[in-house]
């Protein structure tokens, strides 16, 4: 996962509320096989870390946001802090350990 420019996202952009401590945002597409595994990984991490939410966004339905954020492939995962600031970004299927480490920067 790499650092990001610090842009903030909120409920209006995500279509869901932010986690109390952090939010894992996943951009997916319908036929993306790695997106399914990423969904399980992020849901598991969110369930084990108090105050962390997982939000999945269909990239095809939210093209304007995808373009605005420079999302080039799915899955892409953004880690937001409690205020919605993007602190980390990764393209491709992340490893659980990398997600947990990235959350350490957000909380």
PDB file of N, CA and C in Angstrom:
ATOM      1  N   UNK A   1       0.849  -1.176   0.000  1.00  0.00           N
ATOM      2  CA  UNK A   1       0.000   0.000   0.000  1.00  0.00           C
ATOM      3  C   UNK A   1       0.890   1.232   0.000  1.00  0.00           C
ATOM      4  N   UNK A   2       0.506   2.232  -0.764  1.00  0.00           N
ATOM      5  CA  UNK A   2       1.291   3.459  -0.860  1.00  0.00           C
ATOM      6  C   UNK A   2       0.534   4.608  -0.232  1.00  0.00           C
ATOM      7  N   UNK A   3       1.287   5.633   0.158  1.00  0.00           N
ATOM      8  CA  UNK A   3       0.651   6.818   0.723  1.00  0.00           C
ATOM      9  C   UNK A   3      -0.105   7.558  -0.364  1.00  0.00           C
ATOM     10  N   UNK A   4      -1.104   8.331   0.042  1.00  0.00           N
ATOM     11  CA  UNK A   4      -1.916   9.083  -0.903  1.00  0.00           C
ATOM     12  C   UNK A   4      -1.814  10.563  -0.575  1.00  0.00           C
ATOM     13  N   UNK A   5      -2.431  11.382  -1.395  1.00  0.00           N
ATOM     14  CA  UNK A   5      -2.326  12.829  -1.260  1.00  0.00           C
ATOM     15  C   UNK A   5      -3.132  13.459  -0.150  1.00  0.00           C
ATOM     16  N   UNK A   6      -3.919  12.680   0.585  1.00  0.00           N
ATOM     17  CA  UNK A   6      -4.646  13.242   1.702  1.00  0.00           C
ATOM     18  C   UNK A   6      -6.035  13.759   1.378  1.00  0.00           C
ATOM     19  N   UNK A   7      -6.577  13.450   0.209  1.00  0.00           N
ATOM     20  CA  UNK A   7      -7.944  13.845  -0.143  1.00  0.00           C
ATOM     21  C   UNK A   7      -8.918  13.236   0.850  1.00  0.00           C
ATOM     22  N   UNK A   8     -10.012  13.928   1.129  1.00  0.00           N
ATOM     23  CA  UNK A   8     -11.020  13.419   2.067  1.00  0.00           C
ATOM     24  C   UNK A   8     -12.265  12.958   1.314  1.00  0.00           C
ATOM     25  N   UNK A   9     -12.848  11.875   1.788  1.00  0.00           N
ATOM     26  CA  UNK A   9     -14.100  11.354   1.269  1.00  0.00           C
ATOM     27  C   UNK A   9     -15.087  11.260   2.417  1.00  0.00           C
ATOM     28  N   UNK A  10     -16.347  11.494   2.112  1.00  0.00           N
ATOM     29  CA  UNK A  10     -17.371  11.416   3.141  1.00  0.00           C
ATOM     30  C   UNK A  10     -18.525  10.557   2.699  1.00  0.00           C
ATOM     31  N   UNK A  11     -19.590  10.603   3.467  1.00  0.00           N
ATOM     32  CA  UNK A  11     -20.761   9.777   3.198  1.00  0.00           C
ATOM     33  C   UNK A  11     -21.347  10.057   1.820  1.00  0.00           C
ATOM     34  N   UNK A  12     -21.303  11.307   1.377  1.00  0.00           N
ATOM     35  CA  UNK A  12     -21.858  11.653   0.061  1.00  0.00           C
ATOM     36  C   UNK A  12     -21.130  10.920  -1.062  1.00  0.00           C
ATOM     37  N   UNK A  13     -19.812  10.839  -0.979  1.00  0.00           N
ATOM     38  CA  UNK A  13     -19.031  10.157  -2.017  1.00  0.00           C
ATOM     39  C   UNK A  13     -19.103   8.638  -1.885  1.00  0.00           C
ATOM     40  N   UNK A  14     -19.128   8.145  -0.653  1.00  0.00           N
ATOM     41  CA  UNK A  14     -19.060   6.709  -0.401  1.00  0.00           C
ATOM     42  C   UNK A  14     -20.412   6.010  -0.443  1.00  0.00           C
ATOM     43  N   UNK A  15     -21.478   6.769  -0.190  1.00  0.00           N
ATOM     44  CA  UNK A  15     -22.792   6.145  -0.114  1.00  0.00           C
ATOM     45  C   UNK A  15     -22.994   5.389   1.184  1.00  0.00           C
ATOM     46  N   UNK A  16     -22.097   5.596   2.150  1.00  0.00           N
ATOM     47  CA  UNK A  16     -22.174   4.952   3.463  1.00  0.00           C
ATOM     48  C   UNK A  16     -21.398   5.806   4.447  1.00  0.00           C
ATOM     49  N   UNK A  17     -21.684   5.617   5.714  1.00  0.00           N
ATOM     50  CA  UNK A  17     -20.987   6.375   6.745  1.00  0.00           C
ATOM     51  C   UNK A  17     -19.562   5.885   6.950  1.00  0.00           C
ATOM     52  N   UNK A  18     -18.755   6.756   7.520  1.00  0.00           N
ATOM     53  CA  UNK A  18     -17.369   6.411   7.847  1.00  0.00           C
ATOM     54  C   UNK A  18     -17.322   5.571   9.119  1.00  0.00           C
ATOM     55  N   UNK A  19     -16.287   4.747   9.230  1.00  0.00           N
ATOM     56  CA  UNK A  19     -16.048   4.033  10.471  1.00  0.00           C
ATOM     57  C   UNK A  19     -15.614   5.009  11.549  1.00  0.00           C
ATOM     58  N   UNK A  20     -15.861   4.678  12.791  1.00  0.00           N
ATOM     59  CA  UNK A  20     -15.504   5.562  13.902  1.00  0.00           C
ATOM     60  C   UNK A  20     -13.997   5.814  13.958  1.00  0.00           C
ATOM     61  N   UNK A  21     -13.186   4.790  13.642  1.00  0.00           N
ATOM     62  CA  UNK A  21     -11.729   4.927  13.681  1.00  0.00           C
ATOM     63  C   UNK A  21     -11.088   4.951  12.296  1.00  0.00           C
ATOM     64  N   UNK A  22     -11.644   4.187  11.350  1.00  0.00           N
ATOM     65  CA  UNK A  22     -11.072   4.112   9.996  1.00  0.00           C
ATOM     66  C   UNK A  22     -12.087   3.453   9.070  1.00  0.00           C
ATOM     67  N   UNK A  23     -11.868   3.619   7.766  1.00  0.00           N
ATOM     68  CA  UNK A  23     -12.746   3.016   6.762  1.00  0.00           C
ATOM     69  C   UNK A  23     -11.888   2.403   5.664  1.00  0.00           C
ATOM     70  N   UNK A  24     -12.216   1.167   5.295  1.00  0.00           N
ATOM     71  CA  UNK A  24     -11.583   0.486   4.177  1.00  0.00           C
ATOM     72  C   UNK A  24     -12.529   0.598   2.990  1.00  0.00           C
ATOM     73  N   UNK A  25     -12.108   1.292   1.937  1.00  0.00           N
ATOM     74  CA  UNK A  25     -12.949   1.502   0.761  1.00  0.00           C
ATOM     75  C   UNK A  25     -12.395   0.640  -0.367  1.00  0.00           C
ATOM     76  N   UNK A  26     -13.259  -0.205  -0.916  1.00  0.00           N
ATOM     77  CA  UNK A  26     -12.870  -1.117  -1.983  1.00  0.00           C
ATOM     78  C   UNK A  26     -13.619  -0.760  -3.256  1.00  0.00           C
ATOM     79  N   UNK A  27     -12.880  -0.482  -4.329  1.00  0.00           N
ATOM     80  CA  UNK A  27     -13.470  -0.290  -5.647  1.00  0.00           C
ATOM     81  C   UNK A  27     -13.407  -1.625  -6.373  1.00  0.00           C
ATOM     82  N   UNK A  28     -14.579  -2.127  -6.802  1.00  0.00           N
ATOM     83  CA  UNK A  28     -14.690  -3.439  -7.422  1.00  0.00           C
ATOM     84  C   UNK A  28     -15.439  -3.331  -8.742  1.00  0.00           C
ATOM     85  N   UNK A  29     -15.391  -4.424  -9.510  1.00  0.00           N
ATOM     86  CA  UNK A  29     -16.220  -4.544 -10.707  1.00  0.00           C
ATOM     87  C   UNK A  29     -16.833  -5.941 -10.715  1.00  0.00           C
ATOM     88  N   UNK A  30     -17.904  -6.094 -11.452  1.00  0.00           N
ATOM     89  CA  UNK A  30     -18.724  -7.309 -11.392  1.00  0.00           C
ATOM     90  C   UNK A  30     -17.957  -8.589 -11.692  1.00  0.00           C
ATOM     91  N   UNK A  31     -17.086  -8.586 -12.672  1.00  0.00           N
ATOM     92  CA  UNK A  31     -16.432  -9.822 -13.104  1.00  0.00           C
ATOM     93  C   UNK A  31     -14.995  -9.944 -12.610  1.00  0.00           C
ATOM     94  N   UNK A  32     -14.666  -9.199 -11.584  1.00  0.00           N
ATOM     95  CA  UNK A  32     -13.306  -9.177 -11.035  1.00  0.00           C
ATOM     96  C   UNK A  32     -13.156 -10.281  -9.990  1.00  0.00           C
ATOM     97  N   UNK A  33     -12.409 -11.337 -10.334  1.00  0.00           N
ATOM     98  CA  UNK A  33     -12.210 -12.452  -9.408  1.00  0.00           C
ATOM     99  C   UNK A  33     -11.443 -12.035  -8.150  1.00  0.00           C
ATOM    100  N   UNK A  34     -10.336 -11.261  -8.271  1.00  0.00           N
ATOM    101  CA  UNK A  34      -9.628 -10.839  -7.052  1.00  0.00           C
ATOM    102  C   UNK A  34     -10.477  -9.944  -6.141  1.00  0.00           C
ATOM    103  N   UNK A  35     -11.507  -9.311  -6.690  1.00  0.00           N
ATOM    104  CA  UNK A  35     -12.374  -8.450  -5.878  1.00  0.00           C
ATOM    105  C   UNK A  35     -13.109  -9.265  -4.818  1.00  0.00           C
ATOM    106  N   UNK A  36     -13.476 -10.498  -5.154  1.00  0.00           N
ATOM    107  CA  UNK A  36     -14.187 -11.348  -4.193  1.00  0.00           C
ATOM    108  C   UNK A  36     -13.303 -11.690  -3.000  1.00  0.00           C
ATOM    109  N   UNK A  37     -12.065 -12.055  -3.285  1.00  0.00           N
ATOM    110  CA  UNK A  37     -11.133 -12.372  -2.200  1.00  0.00           C
ATOM    111  C   UNK A  37     -10.818 -11.126  -1.377  1.00  0.00           C
ATOM    112  N   UNK A  38     -10.697  -9.985  -2.058  1.00  0.00           N
ATOM    113  CA  UNK A  38     -10.432  -8.729  -1.359  1.00  0.00           C
ATOM    114  C   UNK A  38     -11.599  -8.377  -0.445  1.00  0.00           C
ATOM    115  N   UNK A  39     -12.820  -8.588  -0.916  1.00  0.00           N
ATOM    116  CA  UNK A  39     -14.014  -8.324  -0.103  1.00  0.00           C
ATOM    117  C   UNK A  39     -13.953  -9.133   1.194  1.00  0.00           C
ATOM    118  N   UNK A  40     -13.599 -10.411   1.093  1.00  0.00           N
ATOM    119  CA  UNK A  40     -13.514 -11.264   2.292  1.00  0.00           C
ATOM    120  C   UNK A  40     -12.423 -10.779   3.240  1.00  0.00           C
ATOM    121  N   UNK A  41     -11.266 -10.456   2.687  1.00  0.00           N
ATOM    122  CA  UNK A  41     -10.151  -9.982   3.514  1.00  0.00           C
ATOM    123  C   UNK A  41     -10.519  -8.711   4.262  1.00  0.00           C
ATOM    124  N   UNK A  42     -11.065  -7.727   3.535  1.00  0.00           N
ATOM    125  CA  UNK A  42     -11.391  -6.448   4.172  1.00  0.00           C
ATOM    126  C   UNK A  42     -12.521  -6.594   5.184  1.00  0.00           C
ATOM    127  N   UNK A  43     -13.517  -7.424   4.870  1.00  0.00           N
ATOM    128  CA  UNK A  43     -14.613  -7.647   5.817  1.00  0.00           C
ATOM    129  C   UNK A  43     -14.090  -8.314   7.083  1.00  0.00           C
ATOM    130  N   UNK A  44     -13.179  -9.280   6.935  1.00  0.00           N
ATOM    131  CA  UNK A  44     -12.597  -9.948   8.101  1.00  0.00           C
ATOM    132  C   UNK A  44     -11.810  -8.971   8.971  1.00  0.00           C
ATOM    133  N   UNK A  45     -10.987  -8.131   8.338  1.00  0.00           N
ATOM    134  CA  UNK A  45     -10.190  -7.161   9.096  1.00  0.00           C
ATOM    135  C   UNK A  45     -11.109  -6.157   9.785  1.00  0.00           C
ATOM    136  N   UNK A  46     -12.124  -5.672   9.072  1.00  0.00           N
ATOM    137  CA  UNK A  46     -13.058  -4.709   9.676  1.00  0.00           C
ATOM    138  C   UNK A  46     -13.783  -5.325  10.865  1.00  0.00           C
ATOM    139  N   UNK A  47     -14.100  -6.601  10.785  1.00  0.00           N
ATOM    140  CA  UNK A  47     -14.802  -7.272  11.876  1.00  0.00           C
ATOM    141  C   UNK A  47     -13.909  -7.463  13.103  1.00  0.00           C
ATOM    142  N   UNK A  48     -12.605  -7.600  12.885  1.00  0.00           N
ATOM    143  CA  UNK A  48     -11.724  -7.854  14.028  1.00  0.00           C
ATOM    144  C   UNK A  48     -11.142  -6.589  14.643  1.00  0.00           C
ATOM    145  N   UNK A  49     -11.246  -5.440  13.961  1.00  0.00           N
ATOM    146  CA  UNK A  49     -10.712  -4.187  14.496  1.00  0.00           C
ATOM    147  C   UNK A  49     -11.890  -3.262  14.808  1.00  0.00           C
ATOM    148  N   UNK A  50     -12.083  -2.968  16.073  1.00  0.00           N
ATOM    149  CA  UNK A  50     -13.205  -2.141  16.517  1.00  0.00           C
ATOM    150  C   UNK A  50     -13.170  -0.758  15.871  1.00  0.00           C
ATOM    151  N   UNK A  51     -14.320  -0.310  15.379  1.00  0.00           N
ATOM    152  CA  UNK A  51     -14.433   1.038  14.823  1.00  0.00           C
ATOM    153  C   UNK A  51     -14.009   1.163  13.373  1.00  0.00           C
ATOM    154  N   UNK A  52     -13.749   0.032  12.707  1.00  0.00           N
ATOM    155  CA  UNK A  52     -13.344   0.056  11.299  1.00  0.00           C
ATOM    156  C   UNK A  52     -14.506  -0.438  10.444  1.00  0.00           C
ATOM    157  N   UNK A  53     -14.823   0.325   9.398  1.00  0.00           N
ATOM    158  CA  UNK A  53     -15.893  -0.037   8.472  1.00  0.00           C
ATOM    159  C   UNK A  53     -15.296  -0.450   7.130  1.00  0.00           C
ATOM    160  N   UNK A  54     -16.036  -1.301   6.412  1.00  0.00           N
ATOM    161  CA  UNK A  54     -15.655  -1.707   5.058  1.00  0.00           C
ATOM    162  C   UNK A  54     -16.769  -1.258   4.116  1.00  0.00           C
ATOM    163  N   UNK A  55     -16.399  -0.478   3.101  1.00  0.00           N
ATOM    164  CA  UNK A  55     -17.359   0.008   2.108  1.00  0.00           C
ATOM    165  C   UNK A  55     -16.893  -0.454   0.739  1.00  0.00           C
ATOM    166  N   UNK A  56     -17.774  -1.124   0.006  1.00  0.00           N
ATOM    167  CA  UNK A  56     -17.435  -1.564  -1.344  1.00  0.00           C
ATOM    168  C   UNK A  56     -18.205  -0.711  -2.351  1.00  0.00           C
ATOM    169  N   UNK A  57     -17.487  -0.221  -3.351  1.00  0.00           N
ATOM    170  CA  UNK A  57     -18.076   0.642  -4.375  1.00  0.00           C
ATOM    171  C   UNK A  57     -17.922  -0.040  -5.725  1.00  0.00           C
ATOM    172  N   UNK A  58     -19.023  -0.133  -6.473  1.00  0.00           N
ATOM    173  CA  UNK A  58     -18.988  -0.674  -7.830  1.00  0.00           C
ATOM    174  C   UNK A  58     -18.401   0.400  -8.746  1.00  0.00           C
ATOM    175  N   UNK A  59     -17.214   0.128  -9.260  1.00  0.00           N
ATOM    176  CA  UNK A  59     -16.504   1.122 -10.076  1.00  0.00           C
ATOM    177  C   UNK A  59     -17.293   1.531 -11.312  1.00  0.00           C
ATOM    178  N   UNK A  60     -18.017   0.584 -11.905  1.00  0.00           N
ATOM    179  CA  UNK A  60     -18.777   0.886 -13.116  1.00  0.00           C
ATOM    180  C   UNK A  60     -19.946   1.823 -12.838  1.00  0.00           C
ATOM    181  N   UNK A  61     -20.508   1.744 -11.645  1.00  0.00           N
ATOM    182  CA  UNK A  61     -21.636   2.608 -11.278  1.00  0.00           C
ATOM    183  C   UNK A  61     -21.186   3.988 -10.816  1.00  0.00           C
ATOM    184  N   UNK A  62     -19.917   4.127 -10.443  1.00  0.00           N
ATOM    185  CA  UNK A  62     -19.414   5.386  -9.890  1.00  0.00           C
ATOM    186  C   UNK A  62     -18.225   5.902 -10.699  1.00  0.00           C
ATOM    187  N   UNK A  63     -18.385   5.955 -12.035  1.00  0.00           N
ATOM    188  CA  UNK A  63     -17.274   6.328 -12.919  1.00  0.00           C
ATOM    189  C   UNK A  63     -16.710   7.715 -12.635  1.00  0.00           C
ATOM    190  N   UNK A  64     -17.565   8.661 -12.275  1.00  0.00           N
ATOM    191  CA  UNK A  64     -17.065  10.014 -11.994  1.00  0.00           C
ATOM    192  C   UNK A  64     -16.097   9.987 -10.809  1.00  0.00           C
ATOM    193  N   UNK A  65     -16.445   9.270  -9.752  1.00  0.00           N
ATOM    194  CA  UNK A  65     -15.571   9.171  -8.583  1.00  0.00           C
ATOM    195  C   UNK A  65     -14.295   8.398  -8.929  1.00  0.00           C
ATOM    196  N   UNK A  66     -14.429   7.344  -9.725  1.00  0.00           N
ATOM    197  CA  UNK A  66     -13.271   6.558 -10.159  1.00  0.00           C
ATOM    198  C   UNK A  66     -12.279   7.457 -10.904  1.00  0.00           C
ATOM    199  N   UNK A  67     -12.789   8.254 -11.807  1.00  0.00           N
ATOM    200  CA  UNK A  67     -11.917   9.163 -12.572  1.00  0.00           C
ATOM    201  C   UNK A  67     -11.290  10.211 -11.665  1.00  0.00           C
ATOM    202  N   UNK A  68     -12.100  10.787 -10.783  1.00  0.00           N
ATOM    203  CA  UNK A  68     -11.621  11.832  -9.868  1.00  0.00           C
ATOM    204  C   UNK A  68     -10.472  11.327  -8.993  1.00  0.00           C
ATOM    205  N   UNK A  69     -10.570  10.075  -8.570  1.00  0.00           N
ATOM    206  CA  UNK A  69      -9.562   9.501  -7.678  1.00  0.00           C
ATOM    207  C   UNK A  69      -8.429   8.797  -8.428  1.00  0.00           C
ATOM    208  N   UNK A  70      -8.538   8.709  -9.742  1.00  0.00           N
ATOM    209  CA  UNK A  70      -7.489   8.061 -10.531  1.00  0.00           C
ATOM    210  C   UNK A  70      -7.417   6.558 -10.319  1.00  0.00           C
ATOM    211  N   UNK A  71      -8.567   5.928 -10.125  1.00  0.00           N
ATOM    212  CA  UNK A  71      -8.620   4.476  -9.963  1.00  0.00           C
ATOM    213  C   UNK A  71      -8.450   3.854 -11.350  1.00  0.00           C
ATOM    214  N   UNK A  72      -7.397   3.054 -11.541  1.00  0.00           N
ATOM    215  CA  UNK A  72      -7.088   2.498 -12.858  1.00  0.00           C
ATOM    216  C   UNK A  72      -7.459   1.018 -12.982  1.00  0.00           C
ATOM    217  N   UNK A  73      -7.626   0.314 -11.860  1.00  0.00           N
ATOM    218  CA  UNK A  73      -7.949  -1.105 -11.928  1.00  0.00           C
ATOM    219  C   UNK A  73      -8.700  -1.527 -10.676  1.00  0.00           C
ATOM    220  N   UNK A  74      -9.331  -2.684 -10.767  1.00  0.00           N
ATOM    221  CA  UNK A  74     -10.018  -3.239  -9.605  1.00  0.00           C
ATOM    222  C   UNK A  74      -9.377  -4.577  -9.268  1.00  0.00           C
ATOM    223  N   UNK A  75      -9.299  -4.901  -7.987  1.00  0.00           N
ATOM    224  CA  UNK A  75      -9.712  -4.049  -6.879  1.00  0.00           C
ATOM    225  C   UNK A  75      -8.661  -2.977  -6.570  1.00  0.00           C
ATOM    226  N   UNK A  76      -9.145  -1.832  -6.152  1.00  0.00           N
ATOM    227  CA  UNK A  76      -8.303  -0.800  -5.552  1.00  0.00           C
ATOM    228  C   UNK A  76      -8.862  -0.538  -4.165  1.00  0.00           C
ATOM    229  N   UNK A  77      -7.984  -0.468  -3.181  1.00  0.00           N
ATOM    230  CA  UNK A  77      -8.394  -0.262  -1.793  1.00  0.00           C
ATOM    231  C   UNK A  77      -7.826   1.060  -1.300  1.00  0.00           C
ATOM    232  N   UNK A  78      -8.689   1.860  -0.690  1.00  0.00           N
ATOM    233  CA  UNK A  78      -8.282   3.097  -0.030  1.00  0.00           C
ATOM    234  C   UNK A  78      -8.492   2.912   1.467  1.00  0.00           C
ATOM    235  N   UNK A  79      -7.545   3.387   2.256  1.00  0.00           N
ATOM    236  CA  UNK A  79      -7.690   3.374   3.711  1.00  0.00           C
ATOM    237  C   UNK A  79      -7.892   4.814   4.146  1.00  0.00           C
ATOM    238  N   UNK A  80      -9.028   5.061   4.795  1.00  0.00           N
ATOM    239  CA  UNK A  80      -9.370   6.403   5.266  1.00  0.00           C
ATOM    240  C   UNK A  80      -9.239   6.458   6.774  1.00  0.00           C
ATOM    241  N   UNK A  81      -8.807   7.619   7.284  1.00  0.00           N
ATOM    242  CA  UNK A  81      -8.797   7.791   8.734  1.00  0.00           C
ATOM    243  C   UNK A  81     -10.201   8.174   9.201  1.00  0.00           C
ATOM    244  N   UNK A  82     -10.356   8.484  10.469  1.00  0.00           N
ATOM    245  CA  UNK A  82     -11.678   8.775  11.036  1.00  0.00           C
ATOM    246  C   UNK A  82     -12.348   9.991  10.403  1.00  0.00           C
ATOM    247  N   UNK A  83     -11.551  10.902   9.835  1.00  0.00           N
ATOM    248  CA  UNK A  83     -12.116  12.098   9.210  1.00  0.00           C
ATOM    249  C   UNK A  83     -12.381  11.919   7.718  1.00  0.00           C
ATOM    250  N   UNK A  84     -12.061  10.738   7.186  1.00  0.00           N
ATOM    251  CA  UNK A  84     -12.270  10.475   5.768  1.00  0.00           C
ATOM    252  C   UNK A  84     -11.078  10.804   4.887  1.00  0.00           C
ATOM    253  N   UNK A  85      -9.943  11.156   5.497  1.00  0.00           N
ATOM    254  CA  UNK A  85      -8.736  11.467   4.722  1.00  0.00           C
ATOM    255  C   UNK A  85      -8.110  10.182   4.224  1.00  0.00           C
ATOM    256  N   UNK A  86      -7.788  10.132   2.926  1.00  0.00           N
ATOM    257  CA  UNK A  86      -7.139   8.962   2.341  1.00  0.00           C
ATOM    258  C   UNK A  86      -5.691   8.940   2.821  1.00  0.00           C
ATOM    259  N   UNK A  87      -5.333   7.874   3.542  1.00  0.00           N
ATOM    260  CA  UNK A  87      -3.970   7.768   4.059  1.00  0.00           C
ATOM    261  C   UNK A  87      -3.137   6.730   3.314  1.00  0.00           C
ATOM    262  N   UNK A  88      -3.791   5.732   2.726  1.00  0.00           N
ATOM    263  CA  UNK A  88      -3.082   4.692   1.966  1.00  0.00           C
ATOM    264  C   UNK A  88      -3.948   4.250   0.795  1.00  0.00           C
ATOM    265  N   UNK A  89      -3.272   3.696  -0.218  1.00  0.00           N
ATOM    266  CA  UNK A  89      -3.951   3.212  -1.422  1.00  0.00           C
ATOM    267  C   UNK A  89      -3.181   2.015  -1.958  1.00  0.00           C
ATOM    268  N   UNK A  90      -3.923   1.028  -2.470  1.00  0.00           N
ATOM    269  CA  UNK A  90      -3.285  -0.144  -3.081  1.00  0.00           C
ATOM    270  C   UNK A  90      -4.156  -0.650  -4.217  1.00  0.00           C
ATOM    271  N   UNK A  91      -3.530  -1.032  -5.317  1.00  0.00           N
ATOM    272  CA  UNK A  91      -4.229  -1.661  -6.433  1.00  0.00           C
ATOM    273  C   UNK A  91      -3.891  -3.137  -6.418  1.00  0.00           C
ATOM    274  N   UNK A  92      -4.867  -3.963  -6.721  1.00  0.00           N
ATOM    275  CA  UNK A  92      -4.667  -5.400  -6.686  1.00  0.00           C
ATOM    276  C   UNK A  92      -5.132  -5.968  -5.360  1.00  0.00           C
ATOM    277  N   UNK A  93      -5.087  -7.267  -5.258  1.00  0.00           N
ATOM    278  CA  UNK A  93      -5.561  -7.955  -4.062  1.00  0.00           C
ATOM    279  C   UNK A  93      -4.552  -7.800  -2.924  1.00  0.00           C
ATOM    280  N   UNK A  94      -4.945  -7.127  -1.840  1.00  0.00           N
ATOM    281  CA  UNK A  94      -3.995  -6.910  -0.735  1.00  0.00           C
ATOM    282  C   UNK A  94      -3.886  -8.133   0.170  1.00  0.00           C
ATOM    283  N   UNK A  95      -2.759  -8.246   0.825  1.00  0.00           N
ATOM    284  CA  UNK A  95      -2.581  -9.279   1.849  1.00  0.00           C
ATOM    285  C   UNK A  95      -3.147  -8.739   3.169  1.00  0.00           C
ATOM    286  N   UNK A  96      -3.679  -9.628   3.967  1.00  0.00           N
ATOM    287  CA  UNK A  96      -4.266  -9.246   5.265  1.00  0.00           C
ATOM    288  C   UNK A  96      -3.265  -8.444   6.108  1.00  0.00           C
ATOM    289  N   UNK A  97      -2.012  -8.885   6.153  1.00  0.00           N
ATOM    290  CA  UNK A  97      -0.993  -8.199   6.956  1.00  0.00           C
ATOM    291  C   UNK A  97      -0.778  -6.774   6.476  1.00  0.00           C
ATOM    292  N   UNK A  98      -0.835  -6.561   5.152  1.00  0.00           N
ATOM    293  CA  UNK A  98      -0.665  -5.207   4.610  1.00  0.00           C
ATOM    294  C   UNK A  98      -1.841  -4.310   4.980  1.00  0.00           C
ATOM    295  N   UNK A  99      -3.050  -4.874   4.967  1.00  0.00           N
ATOM    296  CA  UNK A  99      -4.236  -4.094   5.349  1.00  0.00           C
ATOM    297  C   UNK A  99      -4.136  -3.688   6.814  1.00  0.00           C
ATOM    298  N   UNK A 100      -3.748  -4.618   7.666  1.00  0.00           N
ATOM    299  CA  UNK A 100      -3.624  -4.321   9.096  1.00  0.00           C
ATOM    300  C   UNK A 100      -2.548  -3.271   9.329  1.00  0.00           C
ATOM    301  N   UNK A 101      -1.424  -3.377   8.622  1.00  0.00           N
ATOM    302  CA  UNK A 101      -0.353  -2.388   8.763  1.00  0.00           C
ATOM    303  C   UNK A 101      -0.826  -1.007   8.302  1.00  0.00           C
ATOM    304  N   UNK A 102      -1.573  -0.959   7.206  1.00  0.00           N
ATOM    305  CA  UNK A 102      -2.080   0.321   6.705  1.00  0.00           C
ATOM    306  C   UNK A 102      -3.069   0.939   7.680  1.00  0.00           C
ATOM    307  N   UNK A 103      -3.867   0.101   8.321  1.00  0.00           N
ATOM    308  CA  UNK A 103      -4.806   0.605   9.324  1.00  0.00           C
ATOM    309  C   UNK A 103      -4.069   1.254  10.486  1.00  0.00           C
ATOM    310  N   UNK A 104      -2.887   0.773  10.777  1.00  0.00           N
ATOM    311  CA  UNK A 104      -2.082   1.353  11.846  1.00  0.00           C
ATOM    312  C   UNK A 104      -1.768   2.812  11.603  1.00  0.00           C
ATOM    313  N   UNK A 105      -1.692   3.210  10.343  1.00  0.00           N
ATOM    314  CA  UNK A 105      -1.439   4.621  10.016  1.00  0.00           C
ATOM    315  C   UNK A 105      -2.713   5.451  10.093  1.00  0.00           C
ATOM    316  N   UNK A 106      -3.857   4.799  10.003  1.00  0.00           N
ATOM    317  CA  UNK A 106      -5.127   5.524   9.970  1.00  0.00           C
ATOM    318  C   UNK A 106      -5.725   5.746  11.352  1.00  0.00           C
ATOM    319  N   UNK A 107      -5.433   4.837  12.277  1.00  0.00           N
ATOM    320  CA  UNK A 107      -6.081   4.945  13.592  1.00  0.00           C
ATOM    321  C   UNK A 107      -5.174   5.589  14.620  1.00  0.00           C
TER     322      UNK A 107
END
